[in-house]
Protein backbone atom coordinates (compact mmCIF):
# COMPACT_ATOMS: atom_id res chain seq x y z
CA MET A 1 37.69 291.18 -9.48
CA LEU A 2 36.83 293.35 -6.53
CA THR A 3 34.41 295.66 -8.28
CA LEU A 4 32.22 296.39 -5.27
CA THR A 5 35.20 296.78 -2.97
CA ALA A 6 36.57 299.36 -5.40
CA LEU A 7 33.23 301.18 -5.42
CA TYR A 8 32.81 301.33 -1.65
CA GLY A 9 36.53 301.90 -1.16
CA ALA A 10 36.27 304.98 -3.37
CA ALA A 11 33.24 306.24 -1.44
CA CYS A 12 34.99 305.69 1.91
CA THR A 13 38.08 307.44 0.57
CA ALA A 14 35.99 310.44 -0.48
CA LEU A 15 34.57 310.59 3.05
CA LEU A 16 38.04 310.33 4.62
CA VAL A 17 39.43 313.04 2.34
CA GLY A 18 36.48 315.30 3.14
CA LEU A 19 37.04 314.81 6.85
CA ALA A 20 40.79 315.43 6.45
CA VAL A 21 40.09 318.69 4.60
CA ARG A 22 37.96 319.81 7.56
CA VAL A 23 40.96 319.23 9.86
CA SER A 24 43.25 321.23 7.58
CA LEU A 25 40.76 324.08 7.29
CA ALA A 26 40.32 324.23 11.07
CA ARG A 27 44.08 324.48 11.48
CA LEU A 28 44.39 327.13 8.77
CA ARG A 29 41.67 329.20 10.44
CA ARG A 30 43.61 328.83 13.67
CA ALA A 31 40.51 327.50 15.32
CA GLU A 32 40.51 326.86 19.04
CA ASN A 33 42.36 323.73 20.10
CA ASP A 34 39.09 322.09 21.16
CA VAL A 35 37.64 322.57 17.66
CA VAL A 36 40.76 321.22 15.96
CA ARG A 37 40.84 318.24 18.33
CA LEU A 38 37.18 317.52 17.64
CA VAL A 39 37.41 317.57 13.84
CA ALA A 40 40.66 315.60 14.02
CA ARG A 41 38.92 312.99 16.20
CA VAL A 42 36.05 312.71 13.70
CA HIS A 43 38.60 311.99 10.96
CA ALA A 44 40.63 309.62 13.13
CA ASN A 45 37.59 307.59 14.11
CA ALA A 46 36.71 307.06 10.46
CA ALA A 47 40.34 306.22 9.66
CA GLU A 48 40.27 303.59 12.42
CA ASN A 49 37.08 301.89 11.22
CA VAL A 50 37.19 302.14 7.42
CA PRO A 51 40.22 299.87 6.82
CA ILE A 52 38.87 296.88 8.77
CA PHE A 53 35.52 297.24 7.04
CA LEU A 54 37.13 297.32 3.58
CA ILE A 55 39.38 294.35 4.35
CA LEU A 56 36.41 292.28 5.50
CA PHE A 57 34.39 293.55 2.52
CA ALA A 58 37.09 292.49 0.04
CA VAL A 59 37.44 289.06 1.63
CA ALA A 60 33.67 288.56 1.48
CA GLU A 61 33.58 289.65 -2.16
CA LEU A 62 36.47 287.30 -3.03
CA ASN A 63 34.63 284.46 -1.31
CA GLY A 64 31.52 284.96 -3.43
CA ALA A 65 29.31 287.15 -1.25
CA ALA A 66 25.99 288.08 -2.81
CA ALA A 67 26.10 291.49 -4.52
CA TRP A 68 22.85 292.57 -2.84
CA ALA A 69 24.33 291.77 0.59
CA LEU A 70 27.52 293.67 -0.14
CA HIS A 71 25.58 296.69 -1.40
CA GLY A 72 23.45 296.63 1.75
CA LEU A 73 26.53 296.44 3.96
CA GLY A 74 28.37 299.10 1.96
CA VAL A 75 25.53 301.61 1.90
CA GLY A 76 24.77 300.95 5.56
CA PHE A 77 28.40 301.50 6.52
CA LEU A 78 28.58 304.80 4.62
CA VAL A 79 25.39 305.98 6.29
CA ALA A 80 26.80 304.94 9.67
CA ARG A 81 30.03 306.84 9.07
CA VAL A 82 28.20 310.00 7.98
CA LEU A 83 25.86 309.83 10.97
CA HIS A 84 28.78 309.38 13.33
CA ALA A 85 30.71 312.27 11.74
CA VAL A 86 27.70 314.58 11.94
CA GLY A 87 26.92 313.63 15.53
CA LEU A 88 30.48 313.94 16.77
CA SER A 89 31.08 317.16 14.81
CA ARG A 90 28.19 318.86 16.58
CA SER A 91 29.39 317.94 20.06
CA ALA A 92 32.06 315.85 21.73
CA GLY A 93 29.32 314.67 24.08
CA ARG A 94 26.40 312.37 23.49
CA SER A 95 24.15 312.75 20.47
CA VAL A 96 21.63 310.57 18.69
CA PRO A 97 23.43 310.63 15.30
CA ARG A 98 26.72 309.74 16.96
CA PHE A 99 25.18 306.86 18.91
CA VAL A 100 23.23 305.49 15.94
CA GLY A 101 26.22 305.92 13.64
CA ILE A 102 28.74 304.10 15.80
CA SER A 103 26.26 301.40 16.80
CA LEU A 104 25.45 300.75 13.15
CA ASN A 105 29.17 300.89 12.31
CA TRP A 106 30.04 298.18 14.85
CA THR A 107 27.01 296.08 13.95
CA LEU A 108 27.87 296.12 10.25
CA ILE A 109 31.53 295.28 10.87
CA ALA A 110 30.49 292.36 13.08
CA ALA A 111 27.90 291.22 10.53
CA LEU A 112 30.43 291.42 7.72
CA ALA A 113 32.94 289.42 9.75
CA ALA A 114 30.32 286.76 10.49
CA TYR A 115 29.17 286.69 6.86
CA GLY A 116 32.76 286.35 5.67
CA ALA A 117 33.41 283.51 8.10
CA TRP A 118 30.22 281.77 6.99
CA LEU A 119 31.27 282.10 3.34
CA ALA A 120 34.71 280.69 4.16
CA LEU A 121 33.31 277.74 6.09
CA THR A 122 30.57 276.90 3.61
CA PRO A 123 32.08 277.28 0.13
CA ALA A 124 28.77 276.48 -1.55
CA ALA A 125 27.19 279.49 0.19
CA GLY A 126 28.87 281.93 -2.14
CA ALA A 127 27.99 279.98 -5.28
């Protein structure tokens, strides 16, 4: 069973839907093109990163990853995505939340990939 993948998949979906609603609302308000592009980019960036994270997460869970490790990765990823969305929503330029969010995002995806590979190469590790 992929209980934790379902949990974090639902949380990531809620975030994606919330970001998509912001795009729709900006279009309905006939916001300036720059505003629409910015909120659309925030959504698109999440849509680009969430699937790979969830695939790696599911593979790690199937290979016996420790629940505490998966919770840490899942919570960290959600925090990263929120930070990135907040930072990028405030400005298309540089911001601390955007930098921290995307850095944490990439770090967690890389860590999850490495953890999944380690689990696959050392079957006793997940036991």
